[in-house]
Each structure stands twice: as structure tokens, then as C-alpha cells.
């Protein structure tokens, strides 16, 4: 009984329920029963899993997401490259979720390479991807997500998904901030 109570307390601390018979914390239970209320507009603080360029590229390829590089390279320190080095796992999963939900062909034009704006939730820190603005993708984003107005600074029109990710329409691409995987 002590083991079960310990597992239950551990599960509560992690924000979910523990299956008493197996002691397994499920992702669904963790999401269904948060122990600390979260602000509606704030991303949740969770551990971030970083990927190598090759791991991220393999995952994106498997999800049917393509990418292009104006410099034909993947060096993170060259702004004309498209790199996925140190990208967050949830960002890669979010691209896969977008591909599956939209049914659109997706082409990434920007990843974690230098040359983008700085900040906590930046390209460099693994939270953002840029996508080619096809009519399919643009129609999906503007028809599915909530318009939250222009972004301060550059005026890019922003749309917020139900999961809290932000899609900003810049001049020649969609700049997407992934706070989470978008329901993966």
C-alpha cells in the first residue's frame, strides 16, 4: 500500500493520475489533471528535448514535411542554411501535427540557424519554424485558428491555435512558434 500511495503522490506532483495497478503515469492523465493552474496565454514550463539536425530531419521526413535552404546547407551558424540543430522535439512534432491536420504540403524555409530575431521562444532556441506560404497552408491557418491581431514590432498578422501555438504571417513566409506539439 505504501508503494501505491507513493506512486499516487508522485503522479499528483507531476500533474496527473497514476494507474495504481501498474504505477504508470500516462500522458493523457497528466494533461487531464494538471496540479497547478496555468495562465491561458502563457506557455507551460516543461523540460525541453533537443534534437540533432539528422534526428530532426529524419522525423520531419517521416512525417511528410520537406524543407529547403537558400544556401543548400544545414550549418546552424550560416544564415542562408536551414538547420534543425538543437530544435525542440515538440517543434518537430508540431510540424507533423500541422501537416496531418491541414493535409497541405509543407516546406520549411527556416529553422534554428542564425539570422532570425532573438528571444526566449526564438528560432535559435528551437521553438520556431518558417513555412512557405502556400494557398493551402494559408487558408488552413486563417480558416482554422483565431486571429489575435498584429504582432508588436513588425505588424505581422497572428493566429493562435487551440493548443496555444502562434502563426504569424510575415512578408514571405509563416513564422510559427511552437510552445507544444499541437496535440500530437
N, C-alpha and C. Protein backbone atom coordinates (compact mmCIF):
# COMPACT_ATOMS: atom_id res chain seq x y z
N UNK A 1 0.82 -1.20 0.00
CA UNK A 1 0.00 0.00 0.00
C UNK A 1 0.86 1.26 0.00
N UNK A 2 2.01 1.22 0.69
CA UNK A 2 2.90 2.38 0.73
C UNK A 2 3.41 2.72 -0.65
N UNK A 3 3.74 1.70 -1.46
CA UNK A 3 4.22 1.92 -2.81
C UNK A 3 3.15 2.61 -3.64
N UNK A 4 1.90 2.15 -3.51
CA UNK A 4 0.80 2.74 -4.27
C UNK A 4 0.60 4.20 -3.87
N UNK A 5 0.63 4.51 -2.56
CA UNK A 5 0.47 5.90 -2.11
C UNK A 5 1.61 6.77 -2.62
N UNK A 6 2.82 6.23 -2.61
CA UNK A 6 3.97 6.97 -3.11
C UNK A 6 3.82 7.26 -4.59
N UNK A 7 3.40 6.26 -5.34
CA UNK A 7 3.19 6.46 -6.77
C UNK A 7 2.10 7.48 -7.03
N UNK A 8 1.04 7.42 -6.24
CA UNK A 8 -0.06 8.36 -6.41
C UNK A 8 0.40 9.78 -6.11
N UNK A 9 1.16 9.95 -5.01
CA UNK A 9 1.68 11.28 -4.69
C UNK A 9 2.62 11.77 -5.78
N UNK A 10 3.48 10.89 -6.28
CA UNK A 10 4.39 11.25 -7.37
C UNK A 10 3.59 11.69 -8.59
N UNK A 11 2.54 10.93 -8.92
CA UNK A 11 1.70 11.29 -10.05
C UNK A 11 1.04 12.64 -9.86
N UNK A 12 0.58 12.92 -8.66
CA UNK A 12 -0.04 14.21 -8.39
C UNK A 12 0.97 15.34 -8.54
N UNK A 13 2.18 15.11 -8.08
CA UNK A 13 3.23 16.12 -8.24
C UNK A 13 3.54 16.37 -9.70
N UNK A 14 3.44 15.36 -10.52
CA UNK A 14 3.72 15.51 -11.94
C UNK A 14 2.52 16.04 -12.70
N UNK A 15 1.40 16.21 -12.01
CA UNK A 15 0.26 16.83 -12.66
C UNK A 15 -0.70 15.84 -13.28
N UNK A 16 -0.66 14.58 -12.86
CA UNK A 16 -1.57 13.60 -13.43
C UNK A 16 -1.92 12.53 -12.45
N UNK A 17 -2.63 11.56 -12.93
CA UNK A 17 -3.03 10.43 -12.12
C UNK A 17 -2.13 9.24 -12.43
N UNK A 18 -1.94 8.42 -11.45
CA UNK A 18 -1.13 7.22 -11.63
C UNK A 18 -2.06 6.03 -11.70
N UNK A 19 -1.80 5.16 -12.62
CA UNK A 19 -2.57 3.94 -12.68
C UNK A 19 -2.07 3.05 -11.56
N UNK A 20 -2.88 2.87 -10.55
CA UNK A 20 -2.45 2.21 -9.32
C UNK A 20 -1.96 0.78 -9.54
N UNK A 21 -2.54 0.09 -10.49
CA UNK A 21 -2.14 -1.31 -10.67
C UNK A 21 -0.79 -1.44 -11.34
N UNK A 22 -0.41 -0.46 -12.18
CA UNK A 22 0.85 -0.59 -12.88
C UNK A 22 1.87 0.46 -12.48
N UNK A 23 1.40 1.53 -11.87
CA UNK A 23 2.30 2.60 -11.49
C UNK A 23 2.78 3.43 -12.67
N UNK A 24 2.02 3.43 -13.78
CA UNK A 24 2.42 4.15 -14.98
C UNK A 24 1.67 5.47 -15.07
N UNK A 25 2.40 6.52 -15.24
CA UNK A 25 1.80 7.83 -15.47
C UNK A 25 1.59 7.98 -16.96
N UNK A 26 0.36 8.21 -17.37
CA UNK A 26 0.09 8.34 -18.80
C UNK A 26 0.09 9.80 -19.21
N UNK A 27 0.40 10.03 -20.46
CA UNK A 27 0.40 11.40 -20.98
C UNK A 27 -1.00 11.98 -20.90
N UNK A 28 -2.02 11.16 -21.18
CA UNK A 28 -3.39 11.65 -21.14
C UNK A 28 -3.78 12.06 -19.73
N UNK A 29 -3.39 11.28 -18.72
CA UNK A 29 -3.75 11.65 -17.37
C UNK A 29 -3.01 12.88 -16.92
N UNK A 30 -1.76 13.05 -17.36
CA UNK A 30 -1.00 14.23 -16.98
C UNK A 30 -1.64 15.49 -17.56
N UNK A 31 -2.16 15.39 -18.77
CA UNK A 31 -2.80 16.55 -19.40
C UNK A 31 -4.17 16.79 -18.80
N UNK A 32 -4.88 15.71 -18.46
CA UNK A 32 -6.26 15.83 -17.99
C UNK A 32 -6.35 16.40 -16.58
N UNK A 33 -5.32 16.23 -15.76
CA UNK A 33 -5.43 16.65 -14.37
C UNK A 33 -4.22 17.45 -13.92
N UNK A 34 -4.06 18.66 -14.44
CA UNK A 34 -2.90 19.45 -14.00
C UNK A 34 -3.02 19.81 -12.54
N UNK A 35 -1.90 19.78 -11.81
CA UNK A 35 -1.93 20.08 -10.39
C UNK A 35 -1.80 21.58 -10.12
N UNK A 36 -1.28 22.32 -11.07
CA UNK A 36 -1.11 23.76 -10.91
C UNK A 36 -1.82 24.45 -12.06
N UNK A 37 -2.76 25.36 -11.78
CA UNK A 37 -3.43 26.04 -12.88
C UNK A 37 -2.44 26.86 -13.69
N UNK A 38 -2.64 26.85 -15.00
CA UNK A 38 -1.77 27.59 -15.91
C UNK A 38 -2.52 28.78 -16.48
N UNK A 39 -1.82 29.86 -16.69
CA UNK A 39 -2.43 31.02 -17.33
C UNK A 39 -2.79 30.65 -18.76
N UNK A 40 -3.92 31.10 -19.23
CA UNK A 40 -4.41 30.70 -20.56
C UNK A 40 -3.46 31.07 -21.68
N UNK A 41 -2.78 32.19 -21.58
CA UNK A 41 -1.92 32.63 -22.67
C UNK A 41 -0.44 32.34 -22.46
N UNK A 42 -0.08 31.75 -21.35
CA UNK A 42 1.33 31.50 -21.06
C UNK A 42 1.70 30.07 -21.40
N UNK A 43 2.86 29.87 -22.03
CA UNK A 43 3.30 28.51 -22.28
C UNK A 43 3.66 27.84 -20.96
N UNK A 44 3.47 26.53 -20.90
CA UNK A 44 3.79 25.83 -19.68
C UNK A 44 5.28 25.55 -19.61
N UNK A 45 5.81 25.55 -18.40
CA UNK A 45 7.23 25.29 -18.20
C UNK A 45 7.44 23.78 -18.10
N UNK A 46 8.06 23.22 -19.11
CA UNK A 46 8.35 21.80 -19.12
C UNK A 46 9.78 21.60 -19.61
N UNK A 47 10.31 20.44 -19.30
CA UNK A 47 11.64 20.11 -19.80
C UNK A 47 11.59 20.03 -21.32
N UNK A 48 12.62 20.51 -21.98
CA UNK A 48 12.67 20.54 -23.44
C UNK A 48 13.66 19.50 -23.93
N UNK A 49 13.25 18.69 -24.90
CA UNK A 49 14.13 17.72 -25.52
C UNK A 49 14.68 18.31 -26.81
N UNK A 50 15.99 18.42 -26.90
CA UNK A 50 16.66 18.97 -28.08
C UNK A 50 17.06 17.83 -29.01
N UNK A 51 16.99 18.09 -30.32
CA UNK A 51 17.35 17.09 -31.33
C UNK A 51 18.56 17.54 -32.13
N UNK A 52 19.25 16.58 -32.68
CA UNK A 52 20.31 16.88 -33.64
C UNK A 52 19.65 17.18 -34.98
N UNK A 53 20.42 17.77 -35.88
CA UNK A 53 19.88 18.05 -37.21
C UNK A 53 19.42 16.76 -37.89
N UNK A 54 20.24 15.72 -37.84
CA UNK A 54 19.89 14.49 -38.55
C UNK A 54 18.67 13.81 -37.94
N UNK A 55 18.54 13.81 -36.61
CA UNK A 55 17.36 13.21 -35.98
C UNK A 55 16.10 13.98 -36.37
N UNK A 56 16.17 15.31 -36.29
CA UNK A 56 15.02 16.13 -36.67
C UNK A 56 14.66 15.94 -38.14
N UNK A 57 15.67 15.92 -39.01
CA UNK A 57 15.41 15.73 -40.44
C UNK A 57 14.74 14.39 -40.71
N UNK A 58 15.19 13.35 -40.04
CA UNK A 58 14.56 12.03 -40.20
C UNK A 58 13.11 12.04 -39.74
N UNK A 59 12.84 12.69 -38.61
CA UNK A 59 11.46 12.77 -38.09
C UNK A 59 10.57 13.59 -39.03
N UNK A 60 11.08 14.71 -39.52
CA UNK A 60 10.29 15.53 -40.44
C UNK A 60 10.01 14.78 -41.74
N UNK A 61 11.02 14.12 -42.26
CA UNK A 61 10.86 13.33 -43.49
C UNK A 61 9.78 12.25 -43.30
N UNK A 62 9.83 11.57 -42.15
CA UNK A 62 8.85 10.52 -41.86
C UNK A 62 7.43 11.09 -41.75
N UNK A 63 7.32 12.34 -41.32
CA UNK A 63 6.01 13.00 -41.21
C UNK A 63 5.54 13.59 -42.53
N UNK A 64 6.38 13.53 -43.56
CA UNK A 64 6.00 14.07 -44.87
C UNK A 64 6.23 15.56 -45.00
N UNK A 65 7.07 16.12 -44.13
CA UNK A 65 7.38 17.55 -44.18
C UNK A 65 8.72 17.73 -44.87
N UNK A 66 8.78 18.63 -45.85
CA UNK A 66 10.04 18.87 -46.57
C UNK A 66 10.64 20.20 -46.14
N UNK A 67 11.83 20.48 -46.62
CA UNK A 67 12.48 21.74 -46.32
C UNK A 67 13.39 22.13 -47.47
N UNK A 68 13.73 23.40 -47.48
CA UNK A 68 14.62 23.93 -48.49
C UNK A 68 15.59 24.89 -47.82
N UNK A 69 16.71 25.11 -48.46
CA UNK A 69 17.72 26.01 -47.93
C UNK A 69 18.23 26.88 -49.08
N UNK A 70 18.16 28.20 -48.92
CA UNK A 70 18.63 29.06 -50.00
C UNK A 70 20.12 28.88 -50.25
N UNK A 71 20.86 28.46 -49.22
CA UNK A 71 22.29 28.23 -49.38
C UNK A 71 22.63 26.78 -49.66
N UNK A 72 21.62 25.91 -49.70
CA UNK A 72 21.86 24.49 -49.96
C UNK A 72 22.68 23.83 -48.86
N UNK A 73 22.44 24.24 -47.58
CA UNK A 73 23.27 23.74 -46.49
C UNK A 73 22.45 23.62 -45.20
N UNK A 74 23.07 23.06 -44.17
CA UNK A 74 22.39 22.90 -42.89
C UNK A 74 23.23 23.39 -41.71
N UNK A 75 24.24 24.22 -41.97
CA UNK A 75 25.11 24.75 -40.91
C UNK A 75 24.35 25.78 -40.08
N UNK A 76 24.21 25.51 -38.82
CA UNK A 76 23.46 26.38 -37.91
C UNK A 76 24.04 27.80 -37.83
N UNK A 77 25.31 27.95 -38.08
CA UNK A 77 25.96 29.25 -37.95
C UNK A 77 26.00 30.06 -39.25
N UNK A 78 25.31 29.58 -40.28
CA UNK A 78 25.25 30.28 -41.56
C UNK A 78 23.80 30.66 -41.84
N UNK A 79 23.49 31.94 -41.94
CA UNK A 79 22.10 32.37 -42.07
C UNK A 79 21.40 31.93 -43.35
N UNK A 80 22.12 31.56 -44.40
CA UNK A 80 21.47 31.10 -45.63
C UNK A 80 21.19 29.60 -45.60
N UNK A 81 21.57 28.93 -44.54
CA UNK A 81 21.29 27.50 -44.39
C UNK A 81 19.95 27.31 -43.68
N UNK A 82 19.41 26.11 -43.76
CA UNK A 82 18.26 25.74 -42.96
C UNK A 82 18.71 24.60 -42.06
N UNK A 83 18.81 24.90 -40.77
CA UNK A 83 19.32 23.94 -39.79
C UNK A 83 18.23 23.54 -38.81
N UNK A 84 18.32 22.31 -38.32
CA UNK A 84 17.44 21.83 -37.26
C UNK A 84 18.25 21.48 -36.01
N UNK A 85 19.53 21.81 -36.00
CA UNK A 85 20.38 21.52 -34.85
C UNK A 85 19.83 22.22 -33.61
N UNK A 86 19.61 21.47 -32.53
CA UNK A 86 19.10 21.98 -31.26
C UNK A 86 17.63 22.42 -31.32
N UNK A 87 16.88 21.90 -32.29
CA UNK A 87 15.45 22.17 -32.35
C UNK A 87 14.75 21.36 -31.26
N UNK A 88 13.65 21.87 -30.76
CA UNK A 88 12.87 21.14 -29.75
C UNK A 88 12.10 20.00 -30.40
N UNK A 89 12.03 18.89 -29.71
CA UNK A 89 11.24 17.76 -30.19
C UNK A 89 9.80 18.19 -30.43
N UNK A 90 9.22 18.98 -29.53
CA UNK A 90 7.82 19.40 -29.70
C UNK A 90 7.63 20.28 -30.94
N UNK A 91 8.66 21.01 -31.35
CA UNK A 91 8.56 21.81 -32.57
C UNK A 91 8.47 20.91 -33.79
N UNK A 92 9.29 19.88 -33.83
CA UNK A 92 9.25 18.91 -34.93
C UNK A 92 7.92 18.18 -34.92
N UNK A 93 7.46 17.78 -33.75
CA UNK A 93 6.16 17.11 -33.66
C UNK A 93 5.04 18.05 -34.08
N UNK A 94 5.16 19.33 -33.74
CA UNK A 94 4.16 20.32 -34.13
C UNK A 94 4.06 20.46 -35.64
N UNK A 95 5.19 20.41 -36.33
CA UNK A 95 5.17 20.45 -37.79
C UNK A 95 4.45 19.23 -38.34
N UNK A 96 4.69 18.08 -37.74
CA UNK A 96 3.98 16.87 -38.15
C UNK A 96 2.49 16.96 -37.90
N UNK A 97 2.11 17.53 -36.76
CA UNK A 97 0.70 17.73 -36.44
C UNK A 97 0.05 18.67 -37.46
N UNK A 98 0.74 19.76 -37.81
CA UNK A 98 0.23 20.71 -38.80
C UNK A 98 0.04 20.02 -40.15
N UNK A 99 1.00 19.24 -40.55
CA UNK A 99 0.92 18.51 -41.83
C UNK A 99 -0.30 17.59 -41.84
N UNK A 100 -0.46 16.83 -40.78
CA UNK A 100 -1.56 15.87 -40.70
C UNK A 100 -2.91 16.58 -40.64
N UNK A 101 -3.02 17.61 -39.81
CA UNK A 101 -4.30 18.30 -39.63
C UNK A 101 -4.71 19.09 -40.86
N UNK A 102 -3.74 19.72 -41.52
CA UNK A 102 -4.07 20.59 -42.65
C UNK A 102 -4.23 19.81 -43.96
N UNK A 103 -3.50 18.72 -44.09
CA UNK A 103 -3.49 17.97 -45.35
C UNK A 103 -2.71 18.69 -46.44
N UNK A 104 -1.99 19.74 -46.07
CA UNK A 104 -1.23 20.54 -47.03
C UNK A 104 0.20 20.03 -47.16
N UNK A 105 0.79 20.26 -48.31
CA UNK A 105 2.23 20.05 -48.46
C UNK A 105 2.91 21.15 -47.65
N UNK A 106 3.89 20.78 -46.83
CA UNK A 106 4.60 21.76 -46.02
C UNK A 106 6.06 21.79 -46.40
N UNK A 107 6.58 22.99 -46.57
CA UNK A 107 8.00 23.18 -46.85
C UNK A 107 8.56 24.17 -45.85
N UNK A 108 9.52 23.71 -45.06
CA UNK A 108 10.19 24.56 -44.09
C UNK A 108 11.27 25.37 -44.81
N UNK A 109 11.30 26.67 -44.54
CA UNK A 109 12.32 27.55 -45.14
C UNK A 109 13.26 28.13 -44.09
N UNK A 110 12.97 27.92 -42.82
CA UNK A 110 13.82 28.43 -41.75
C UNK A 110 13.69 27.57 -40.51
N UNK A 111 14.84 27.32 -39.89
CA UNK A 111 14.87 26.51 -38.68
C UNK A 111 15.63 27.21 -37.57
N UNK A 112 16.66 26.54 -37.06
CA UNK A 112 17.40 27.06 -35.91
C UNK A 112 18.67 27.82 -36.29
N UNK A 113 18.85 28.09 -37.55
CA UNK A 113 20.07 28.80 -37.99
C UNK A 113 20.08 30.25 -37.51
N UNK A 114 21.25 30.80 -37.44
CA UNK A 114 21.43 32.20 -37.04
C UNK A 114 20.79 33.11 -38.08
N UNK A 115 20.48 34.34 -37.66
CA UNK A 115 19.93 35.31 -38.59
C UNK A 115 18.49 35.67 -38.32
N UNK A 116 17.85 34.96 -37.38
CA UNK A 116 16.47 35.28 -37.01
C UNK A 116 16.47 36.15 -35.76
N UNK A 117 15.31 36.70 -35.43
CA UNK A 117 15.19 37.51 -34.21
C UNK A 117 15.50 36.68 -32.98
N UNK A 118 16.05 37.33 -31.96
CA UNK A 118 16.40 36.64 -30.72
C UNK A 118 15.21 36.60 -29.77
N UNK A 119 15.39 35.96 -28.65
CA UNK A 119 14.35 35.87 -27.63
C UNK A 119 14.23 34.46 -27.10
N UNK A 120 13.51 34.32 -26.02
CA UNK A 120 13.34 33.01 -25.39
C UNK A 120 12.72 32.02 -26.36
N UNK A 121 11.61 32.39 -26.99
CA UNK A 121 10.89 31.49 -27.89
C UNK A 121 11.29 31.79 -29.33
N UNK A 122 12.56 31.64 -29.62
CA UNK A 122 13.13 32.02 -30.91
C UNK A 122 13.47 30.81 -31.77
N UNK A 123 13.85 31.09 -33.01
CA UNK A 123 14.36 30.06 -33.90
C UNK A 123 15.59 29.41 -33.27
N UNK A 124 16.55 30.23 -32.85
CA UNK A 124 17.82 29.73 -32.31
C UNK A 124 17.59 28.79 -31.13
N UNK A 125 16.59 29.09 -30.29
CA UNK A 125 16.30 28.27 -29.11
C UNK A 125 15.41 27.08 -29.41
N UNK A 126 15.06 26.88 -30.69
CA UNK A 126 14.35 25.67 -31.10
C UNK A 126 12.84 25.71 -31.09
N UNK A 127 12.26 26.88 -30.89
CA UNK A 127 10.80 26.99 -30.78
C UNK A 127 10.10 27.37 -32.08
N UNK A 128 10.84 27.80 -33.10
CA UNK A 128 10.20 28.33 -34.30
C UNK A 128 10.63 27.64 -35.57
N UNK A 129 9.70 27.62 -36.51
CA UNK A 129 9.96 27.19 -37.88
C UNK A 129 9.29 28.18 -38.82
N UNK A 130 9.89 28.38 -39.99
CA UNK A 130 9.27 29.18 -41.05
C UNK A 130 8.79 28.22 -42.13
N UNK A 131 7.58 28.48 -42.67
CA UNK A 131 7.00 27.65 -43.72
C UNK A 131 6.68 28.49 -44.95
N UNK A 132 6.82 27.89 -46.12
CA UNK A 132 6.39 28.54 -47.36
C UNK A 132 4.89 28.79 -47.27
N UNK A 133 4.43 29.97 -47.70
CA UNK A 133 3.02 30.33 -47.56
C UNK A 133 2.15 29.86 -48.73
N UNK A 134 2.00 28.59 -48.90
CA UNK A 134 1.13 28.10 -49.97
C UNK A 134 -0.31 28.51 -49.70
N UNK A 135 -1.13 28.53 -50.72
CA UNK A 135 -2.54 28.88 -50.51
C UNK A 135 -3.22 27.85 -49.61
N UNK A 136 -2.87 26.58 -49.74
CA UNK A 136 -3.45 25.55 -48.89
C UNK A 136 -3.14 25.84 -47.42
N UNK A 137 -1.88 26.09 -47.10
CA UNK A 137 -1.49 26.35 -45.71
C UNK A 137 -2.10 27.65 -45.20
N UNK A 138 -2.04 28.69 -46.00
CA UNK A 138 -2.59 29.98 -45.57
C UNK A 138 -4.09 29.88 -45.32
N UNK A 139 -4.82 29.21 -46.19
CA UNK A 139 -6.26 29.04 -46.00
C UNK A 139 -6.56 28.22 -44.75
N UNK A 140 -5.74 27.20 -44.50
CA UNK A 140 -5.95 26.37 -43.31
C UNK A 140 -5.74 27.20 -42.04
N UNK A 141 -4.64 27.92 -41.97
CA UNK A 141 -4.33 28.70 -40.77
C UNK A 141 -5.38 29.78 -40.53
N UNK A 142 -5.69 30.56 -41.55
CA UNK A 142 -6.63 31.67 -41.37
C UNK A 142 -8.07 31.19 -41.18
N UNK A 143 -8.39 30.02 -41.69
CA UNK A 143 -9.74 29.49 -41.54
C UNK A 143 -9.95 28.63 -40.30
N UNK A 144 -8.87 28.23 -39.65
CA UNK A 144 -8.97 27.31 -38.52
C UNK A 144 -8.62 27.96 -37.19
N UNK A 145 -7.62 28.82 -37.18
CA UNK A 145 -7.12 29.39 -35.94
C UNK A 145 -7.69 30.79 -35.70
N UNK A 146 -7.60 31.25 -34.46
CA UNK A 146 -8.16 32.55 -34.07
C UNK A 146 -7.20 33.68 -34.40
N UNK A 147 -7.72 34.69 -35.08
CA UNK A 147 -6.92 35.88 -35.38
C UNK A 147 -6.75 36.65 -34.08
N UNK A 148 -5.49 36.89 -33.70
CA UNK A 148 -5.22 37.62 -32.44
C UNK A 148 -4.57 38.97 -32.71
N UNK A 149 -4.63 39.43 -33.95
CA UNK A 149 -4.15 40.77 -34.27
C UNK A 149 -2.69 40.81 -34.67
N UNK A 150 -2.23 42.01 -34.95
CA UNK A 150 -0.85 42.17 -35.42
C UNK A 150 0.18 41.97 -34.30
N UNK A 151 1.32 41.47 -34.69
CA UNK A 151 2.42 41.26 -33.76
C UNK A 151 3.09 42.61 -33.50
N UNK A 152 3.34 42.95 -32.24
CA UNK A 152 4.05 44.19 -31.94
C UNK A 152 5.43 44.17 -32.61
N UNK A 153 5.84 45.28 -33.10
CA UNK A 153 7.16 45.39 -33.72
C UNK A 153 7.10 45.39 -35.22
N UNK A 154 6.60 44.28 -35.82
CA UNK A 154 6.60 44.21 -37.28
C UNK A 154 5.20 44.19 -37.88
N UNK A 155 4.16 44.07 -37.07
CA UNK A 155 2.79 44.10 -37.57
C UNK A 155 2.32 42.85 -38.26
N UNK A 156 3.11 41.76 -38.20
CA UNK A 156 2.68 40.51 -38.84
C UNK A 156 1.38 40.04 -38.21
N UNK A 157 0.40 39.71 -39.06
CA UNK A 157 -0.89 39.24 -38.56
C UNK A 157 -0.69 37.89 -37.90
N UNK A 158 -1.27 37.70 -36.69
CA UNK A 158 -1.07 36.48 -35.92
C UNK A 158 -2.36 35.68 -35.75
N UNK A 159 -2.18 34.36 -35.71
CA UNK A 159 -3.28 33.44 -35.49
C UNK A 159 -2.84 32.46 -34.41
N UNK A 160 -3.76 32.15 -33.50
CA UNK A 160 -3.44 31.27 -32.38
C UNK A 160 -4.25 29.99 -32.49
N UNK A 161 -3.55 28.86 -32.43
CA UNK A 161 -4.22 27.56 -32.48
C UNK A 161 -4.86 27.26 -31.13
N UNK A 162 -5.72 26.28 -31.09
CA UNK A 162 -6.36 25.86 -29.85
C UNK A 162 -5.36 25.40 -28.80
N UNK A 163 -4.21 24.92 -29.24
CA UNK A 163 -3.19 24.45 -28.30
C UNK A 163 -2.27 25.58 -27.83
N UNK A 164 -2.41 26.78 -28.42
CA UNK A 164 -1.64 27.93 -27.98
C UNK A 164 -0.46 28.30 -28.86
N UNK A 165 -0.20 27.54 -29.92
CA UNK A 165 0.89 27.88 -30.83
C UNK A 165 0.50 29.10 -31.66
N UNK A 166 1.50 29.90 -32.04
CA UNK A 166 1.24 31.16 -32.74
C UNK A 166 1.79 31.11 -34.17
N UNK A 167 0.93 31.48 -35.12
CA UNK A 167 1.26 31.51 -36.55
C UNK A 167 1.24 32.96 -36.99
N UNK A 168 2.39 33.50 -37.37
CA UNK A 168 2.47 34.91 -37.80
C UNK A 168 2.80 34.97 -39.29
N UNK A 169 1.99 35.72 -40.04
CA UNK A 169 2.19 35.84 -41.49
C UNK A 169 3.14 36.98 -41.78
N UNK A 170 4.40 36.63 -41.98
CA UNK A 170 5.40 37.62 -42.37
C UNK A 170 5.33 37.81 -43.88
N UNK A 171 6.15 38.69 -44.43
CA UNK A 171 6.04 39.06 -45.84
C UNK A 171 6.14 37.88 -46.80
N UNK A 172 7.02 36.93 -46.53
CA UNK A 172 7.18 35.84 -47.50
C UNK A 172 7.15 34.45 -46.87
N UNK A 173 6.63 34.33 -45.66
CA UNK A 173 6.53 33.02 -45.01
C UNK A 173 5.62 33.09 -43.78
N UNK A 174 5.26 31.90 -43.28
CA UNK A 174 4.58 31.78 -42.00
C UNK A 174 5.64 31.50 -40.95
N UNK A 175 5.70 32.33 -39.92
CA UNK A 175 6.62 32.18 -38.80
C UNK A 175 5.81 31.54 -37.67
N UNK A 176 6.15 30.31 -37.31
CA UNK A 176 5.35 29.57 -36.34
C UNK A 176 6.13 29.34 -35.06
N UNK A 177 5.53 29.71 -33.94
CA UNK A 177 6.10 29.48 -32.62
C UNK A 177 5.39 28.30 -31.99
N UNK A 178 6.16 27.25 -31.74
CA UNK A 178 5.61 26.03 -31.13
C UNK A 178 5.93 26.00 -29.65
N UNK A 179 4.92 26.26 -28.83
CA UNK A 179 5.06 26.11 -27.39
C UNK A 179 4.85 24.65 -27.00
N UNK A 180 4.20 23.91 -27.89
CA UNK A 180 3.91 22.50 -27.65
C UNK A 180 3.72 21.82 -29.02
N UNK A 181 3.43 20.54 -29.00
CA UNK A 181 3.35 19.78 -30.26
C UNK A 181 2.02 19.93 -30.98
N UNK A 182 1.11 20.72 -30.45
CA UNK A 182 -0.14 20.97 -31.14
C UNK A 182 -1.12 19.83 -31.09
N UNK A 183 -1.04 18.99 -30.08
CA UNK A 183 -1.99 17.90 -29.92
C UNK A 183 -1.50 16.56 -30.44
N UNK A 184 -0.20 16.41 -30.55
CA UNK A 184 0.36 15.14 -31.07
C UNK A 184 0.04 13.98 -30.15
